[in-house]
């Protein structure tokens, strides 16, 4: 295979840079992004280097690079490799994902990222798991469903929704039994079936249809959409908080195709990024997307 734009390659003497992608070719110059190289991209004289074309011409990170325009990616953030993020994470938490300061100690965590989210997960299972949520919905017990989901997303230091989003979500559910029932039906189907475009679109539509109280924040935000599934099953669902998630993706040079509208393509890419990170973090003891979400905060603040 000839060296052209888009071809995946390896540097013959820099295996630690990992797999690279040809971003541009101009005259005798070839510009390449190597995903494990701390430098954002490098330019070589094509006749001075014998690049090795990769056998596999697809890679989950390199396939999702942001646009490269006029010699630069369309982001002004500093690149951070996953390994650099891991080193920063280790400095903050020497015990990594088993560190007491990461887990949180006691029934009420002042510090810690994991245990309070696990307790919210257990509240979801206690209230909705094993078909209990569907049974409440079938019985028309909408008020009970409202109380249960509010307990999941707001109790016990659960602050992943802003106060304005939490109020908008609560008010949207209270405003109408019909739209609340539609929301819970879509939520249970999404959680039961796992991430797929059809059930995602149904849930996004149900969140969008929740009434908005005059003068209040809109309900249809990414945190409101993604927090309940994330807490329902952090093994299968990611949480999307726009600013830190975008910052992390930008630093990793992973294009989420982010938009404030609730689009499947963005969530699908978020899941891909989450799975990549989880695989990289498992040697440190990462178990699920709770751990991934916490690690992403380290990347975005790097």
Protein backbone atom coordinates (compact mmCIF):
# COMPACT_ATOMS: atom_id res chain seq x y z
CA UNK A 1 0.00 0.00 0.00
CA UNK A 2 1.29 3.46 -0.87
CA UNK A 3 1.66 6.18 1.76
CA UNK A 4 -1.34 8.47 1.29
CA UNK A 5 -3.52 10.61 3.54
CA UNK A 6 -5.50 8.43 5.91
CA UNK A 7 -3.12 5.46 5.84
CA UNK A 8 -2.15 3.97 9.22
CA UNK A 9 1.57 3.55 9.73
CA UNK A 10 4.28 2.88 12.31
CA UNK A 11 7.60 4.68 12.64
CA UNK A 12 10.47 2.26 11.96
CA UNK A 13 12.59 3.37 14.96
CA UNK A 14 9.96 4.75 17.38
CA UNK A 15 7.72 1.84 18.42
CA UNK A 16 6.80 3.71 21.63
CA UNK A 17 4.91 6.26 19.51
CA UNK A 18 2.43 3.54 18.64
CA UNK A 19 0.18 3.52 15.64
CA UNK A 20 0.04 6.65 13.50
CA UNK A 21 -2.20 8.14 10.85
CA UNK A 22 -1.06 10.17 7.86
CA UNK A 23 -2.81 13.53 8.18
CA UNK A 24 -1.42 15.39 5.19
CA UNK A 25 1.03 15.12 2.33
CA UNK A 26 2.46 18.19 0.68
CA UNK A 27 5.27 17.86 -1.79
CA UNK A 28 7.94 15.74 -0.14
CA UNK A 29 6.52 16.28 3.36
CA UNK A 30 4.29 13.84 5.22
CA UNK A 31 2.53 14.85 8.46
CA UNK A 32 1.59 12.07 10.87
CA UNK A 33 -0.30 11.81 14.15
CA UNK A 34 0.99 9.03 16.46
CA UNK A 35 -1.50 8.27 19.19
CA UNK A 36 1.08 7.42 21.91
CA UNK A 37 3.40 10.32 21.09
CA UNK A 38 3.18 13.34 23.40
CA UNK A 39 3.82 15.61 20.41
CA UNK A 40 0.59 16.43 18.61
CA UNK A 41 1.87 15.61 15.11
CA UNK A 42 5.16 15.37 13.27
CA UNK A 43 6.28 16.15 9.73
CA UNK A 44 8.93 14.10 7.91
CA UNK A 45 10.59 14.08 4.52
CA UNK A 46 8.99 11.08 2.86
CA UNK A 47 12.19 10.04 1.05
CA UNK A 48 14.18 10.11 4.30
CA UNK A 49 12.03 7.68 6.30
CA UNK A 50 10.73 4.21 5.50
CA UNK A 51 7.36 4.12 7.24
CA UNK A 52 5.81 0.74 7.95
CA UNK A 53 2.23 0.45 6.74
CA UNK A 54 0.04 -1.19 9.41
CA UNK A 55 -1.56 -4.50 8.56
CA UNK A 56 -4.87 -3.37 10.06
CA UNK A 57 -6.03 -0.10 8.56
CA UNK A 58 -8.64 0.61 11.22
CA UNK A 59 -8.18 1.81 14.81
CA UNK A 60 -10.92 3.01 17.19
CA UNK A 61 -8.96 6.12 18.22
CA UNK A 62 -7.41 7.05 14.89
CA UNK A 63 -10.71 6.50 13.05
CA UNK A 64 -12.26 9.27 15.20
CA UNK A 65 -9.62 12.01 14.95
CA UNK A 66 -10.95 15.58 14.72
CA UNK A 67 -10.52 17.49 11.45
CA UNK A 68 -6.95 18.49 10.61
CA UNK A 69 -7.02 21.85 8.81
CA UNK A 70 -4.12 24.04 7.69
CA UNK A 71 -1.58 22.08 9.68
CA UNK A 72 -3.50 21.82 12.95
CA UNK A 73 -6.38 20.00 14.60
CA UNK A 74 -9.50 22.09 15.13
CA UNK A 75 -8.89 22.33 18.87
CA UNK A 76 -6.62 24.57 20.92
CA UNK A 77 -6.22 22.16 23.85
CA UNK A 78 -2.91 20.48 24.61
CA UNK A 79 -2.79 16.85 23.55
CA UNK A 80 -2.70 14.31 26.37
CA UNK A 81 -1.94 10.66 25.72
CA UNK A 82 -3.74 7.99 27.71
CA UNK A 83 -0.42 7.05 29.33
CA UNK A 84 0.18 10.64 30.43
CA UNK A 85 -3.29 10.62 31.96
CA UNK A 86 -2.52 7.37 33.77
CA UNK A 87 0.69 8.83 35.23
CA UNK A 88 -1.21 11.90 36.45
CA UNK A 89 -3.92 9.65 37.94
CA UNK A 90 -1.28 7.61 39.79
CA UNK A 91 0.25 10.77 41.27
CA UNK A 92 -3.13 11.85 42.63
CA UNK A 93 -4.16 8.37 43.77
CA UNK A 94 -1.21 6.02 44.33
CA UNK A 95 -3.59 3.14 44.99
CA UNK A 96 -5.37 3.88 41.71
CA UNK A 97 -8.93 2.55 41.65
CA UNK A 98 -8.48 0.82 45.02
CA UNK A 99 -7.20 3.96 46.74
CA UNK A 100 -9.36 4.85 49.79
CA UNK A 101 -9.41 8.48 48.70
CA UNK A 102 -10.89 7.37 45.39
CA UNK A 103 -13.40 4.93 46.83
CA UNK A 104 -14.54 7.11 49.72
CA UNK A 105 -14.71 5.87 53.27
CA UNK A 106 -17.79 5.39 55.44
CA UNK A 107 -21.46 5.81 54.77
CA UNK A 108 -21.14 9.49 53.94
CA UNK A 109 -18.27 10.34 51.60
CA UNK A 110 -16.72 13.77 51.89
CA UNK A 111 -14.03 12.60 49.47
CA UNK A 112 -14.15 9.82 46.97
CA UNK A 113 -15.57 9.25 43.53
CA UNK A 114 -16.81 5.69 43.49
CA UNK A 115 -18.78 4.58 46.53
CA UNK A 116 -21.50 7.22 46.45
CA UNK A 117 -22.19 6.39 42.80
CA UNK A 118 -22.35 2.69 43.68
CA UNK A 119 -24.92 3.51 46.35
CA UNK A 120 -26.97 5.40 43.76
CA UNK A 121 -26.68 2.36 41.49
CA UNK A 122 -28.00 0.18 44.32
CA UNK A 123 -30.91 2.59 44.87
CA UNK A 124 -31.80 2.18 41.20
CA UNK A 125 -31.71 -1.60 41.52
CA UNK A 126 -33.76 -1.52 44.74
CA UNK A 127 -36.40 0.71 43.21
CA UNK A 128 -36.53 -0.37 39.57
CA UNK A 129 -34.56 -3.59 39.15
CA UNK A 130 -35.92 -7.06 38.36
CA UNK A 131 -38.98 -5.60 36.68
CA UNK A 132 -40.08 -3.54 39.69
CA UNK A 133 -40.04 -0.33 37.67
CA UNK A 134 -42.15 -1.80 34.86
CA UNK A 135 -44.61 -3.16 37.43
CA UNK A 136 -45.01 0.26 39.04
CA UNK A 137 -45.53 1.80 35.61
CA UNK A 138 -48.11 -0.82 34.67
CA UNK A 139 -49.94 -0.11 37.94
CA UNK A 140 -49.98 3.63 37.20
CA UNK A 141 -47.87 4.50 40.23
CA UNK A 142 -46.23 7.49 38.58
CA UNK A 143 -45.70 9.43 41.81
CA UNK A 144 -43.74 6.55 43.28
CA UNK A 145 -41.61 6.34 40.13
CA UNK A 146 -40.93 10.08 40.33
CA UNK A 147 -39.81 9.82 43.95
CA UNK A 148 -37.58 6.84 43.24
CA UNK A 149 -35.75 8.40 40.30
CA UNK A 150 -35.22 11.64 42.22
CA UNK A 151 -33.66 9.61 45.00
CA UNK A 152 -31.32 7.98 42.52
CA UNK A 153 -30.10 11.17 40.84
CA UNK A 154 -29.96 13.61 43.79
CA UNK A 155 -29.37 11.84 47.14
CA UNK A 156 -26.11 11.21 48.99
CA UNK A 157 -23.68 13.69 47.38
CA UNK A 158 -24.97 12.84 43.91
CA UNK A 159 -24.14 16.13 42.20
CA UNK A 160 -23.69 15.09 38.56
CA UNK A 161 -26.74 17.16 37.63
CA UNK A 162 -26.45 20.88 38.21
CA UNK A 163 -29.05 22.28 40.63
CA UNK A 164 -30.86 23.84 37.65
CA UNK A 165 -30.93 20.55 35.73
CA UNK A 166 -32.13 18.66 38.80
CA UNK A 167 -34.99 21.13 39.31
CA UNK A 168 -35.92 21.11 35.62
CA UNK A 169 -35.96 17.30 35.58
CA UNK A 170 -38.08 17.13 38.72
CA UNK A 171 -40.53 19.75 37.44
CA UNK A 172 -40.72 18.12 34.02
CA UNK A 173 -41.70 14.80 35.59
CA UNK A 174 -44.26 16.41 37.90
CA UNK A 175 -45.94 18.46 35.18
CA UNK A 176 -47.70 15.61 33.39
CA UNK A 177 -48.43 11.98 34.22
CA UNK A 178 -48.59 11.16 30.51
CA UNK A 179 -45.16 12.48 29.57
CA UNK A 180 -43.66 11.11 32.81
CA UNK A 181 -45.02 7.66 31.97
CA UNK A 182 -43.56 7.94 28.46
CA UNK A 183 -40.20 8.84 29.99
CA UNK A 184 -40.14 5.88 32.37
CA UNK A 185 -41.24 3.49 29.65
CA UNK A 186 -38.42 4.67 27.38
CA UNK A 187 -35.88 4.59 30.23
CA UNK A 188 -36.70 1.01 31.18
CA UNK A 189 -36.50 -0.13 27.55
CA UNK A 190 -33.15 1.59 27.06
CA UNK A 191 -31.69 0.08 30.21
CA UNK A 192 -33.06 -3.36 29.42
CA UNK A 193 -31.87 -3.46 25.80
CA UNK A 194 -28.53 -1.71 26.17
CA UNK A 195 -27.21 1.13 24.02
CA UNK A 196 -28.75 1.02 20.55
CA UNK A 197 -29.98 3.73 18.23
CA UNK A 198 -33.68 2.93 18.35
CA UNK A 199 -34.04 2.87 22.13
CA UNK A 200 -31.68 5.85 22.50
CA UNK A 201 -33.80 7.94 20.15
CA UNK A 202 -36.94 6.93 22.03
CA UNK A 203 -35.42 7.99 25.35
CA UNK A 204 -34.07 11.25 23.89
CA UNK A 205 -37.55 12.01 22.52
CA UNK A 206 -39.16 11.26 25.90
CA UNK A 207 -36.73 13.57 27.71
CA UNK A 208 -37.31 16.29 25.12
CA UNK A 209 -41.08 15.96 25.59
CA UNK A 210 -40.94 16.56 29.35
CA UNK A 211 -42.58 19.96 29.93
CA UNK A 212 -40.33 22.92 30.74
CA UNK A 213 -41.50 25.26 33.48
CA UNK A 214 -41.43 28.94 32.52
CA UNK A 215 -38.19 30.58 33.55
CA UNK A 216 -36.50 27.26 34.34
CA UNK A 217 -33.60 25.50 32.65
CA UNK A 218 -34.41 23.16 29.79
CA UNK A 219 -34.88 19.50 30.62
CA UNK A 220 -33.40 18.02 27.42
CA UNK A 221 -29.71 18.11 28.32
CA UNK A 222 -27.07 15.44 28.04
CA UNK A 223 -26.69 15.03 31.83
CA UNK A 224 -30.45 14.59 32.35
CA UNK A 225 -30.57 12.07 29.50
CA UNK A 226 -27.53 10.00 30.44
CA UNK A 227 -27.36 10.03 34.27
CA UNK A 228 -30.21 7.59 35.06
CA UNK A 229 -28.97 4.89 32.62
CA UNK A 230 -25.41 5.38 33.89
CA UNK A 231 -26.51 4.82 37.48
CA UNK A 232 -28.81 1.98 36.43
CA UNK A 233 -25.93 0.00 34.92
CA UNK A 234 -22.44 1.56 34.91
CA UNK A 235 -21.13 -1.53 33.13
CA UNK A 236 -23.06 -0.65 29.98
CA UNK A 237 -23.83 3.10 29.96
CA UNK A 238 -21.70 6.23 29.97
CA UNK A 239 -22.53 9.61 31.52
CA UNK A 240 -22.03 12.75 29.44
CA UNK A 241 -21.42 16.08 31.14
CA UNK A 242 -20.67 18.40 28.24
CA UNK A 243 -17.72 20.57 29.27
CA UNK A 244 -15.47 17.99 30.96
CA UNK A 245 -16.39 15.27 28.47
CA UNK A 246 -15.60 17.49 25.50
CA UNK A 247 -12.37 18.66 27.13
CA UNK A 248 -11.25 15.08 27.70
CA UNK A 249 -12.13 14.05 24.15
CA UNK A 250 -10.33 17.10 22.72
CA UNK A 251 -7.16 16.33 24.67
CA UNK A 252 -7.26 12.71 23.53
CA UNK A 253 -7.89 13.90 19.95
CA UNK A 254 -11.14 11.97 19.79
CA UNK A 255 -13.95 13.65 17.87
CA UNK A 256 -17.28 13.14 19.66
CA UNK A 257 -19.15 15.06 16.95
CA UNK A 258 -20.62 16.81 19.96
CA UNK A 259 -23.79 18.84 19.68
CA UNK A 260 -26.11 20.04 22.43
CA UNK A 261 -28.96 18.22 20.68
CA UNK A 262 -29.37 14.65 21.89
CA UNK A 263 -27.95 12.71 18.94
CA UNK A 264 -27.17 9.02 18.78
CA UNK A 265 -23.93 9.58 16.86
CA UNK A 266 -22.46 11.52 19.80
CA UNK A 267 -23.54 8.95 22.38
CA UNK A 268 -22.26 6.08 20.24
CA UNK A 269 -18.86 7.78 19.99
CA UNK A 270 -18.87 8.45 23.73
CA UNK A 271 -19.41 4.72 24.32
CA UNK A 272 -16.53 3.89 21.97
CA UNK A 273 -14.21 6.29 23.81
CA UNK A 274 -15.34 4.87 27.16
CA UNK A 275 -14.63 1.30 26.06
CA UNK A 276 -11.15 2.27 24.81
CA UNK A 277 -10.34 3.91 28.15
CA UNK A 278 -11.78 1.04 30.20
CA UNK A 279 -9.58 -1.47 28.39
CA UNK A 280 -6.52 0.70 29.03
CA UNK A 281 -7.42 1.17 32.70
CA UNK A 282 -8.26 -2.43 33.64
CA UNK A 283 -4.64 -3.17 34.64
CA UNK A 284 -5.02 -0.40 37.25
CA UNK A 285 -8.17 -2.03 38.65
CA UNK A 286 -10.86 -0.16 36.72
CA UNK A 287 -14.12 -2.09 36.74
CA UNK A 288 -16.71 -0.07 34.89
CA UNK A 289 -17.67 3.32 33.46
CA UNK A 290 -17.77 4.89 36.93
CA UNK A 291 -14.00 4.49 36.95
CA UNK A 292 -13.73 5.71 33.37
CA UNK A 293 -15.79 8.82 34.13
CA UNK A 294 -13.52 9.64 37.07
CA UNK A 295 -10.39 9.14 34.97
CA UNK A 296 -11.78 11.44 32.28
CA UNK A 297 -11.83 14.27 34.82
CA UNK A 298 -8.08 13.82 35.26
CA UNK A 299 -7.54 14.04 31.50
CA UNK A 300 -9.65 17.15 31.04
CA UNK A 301 -7.84 18.97 33.89
CA UNK A 302 -4.37 17.82 32.80
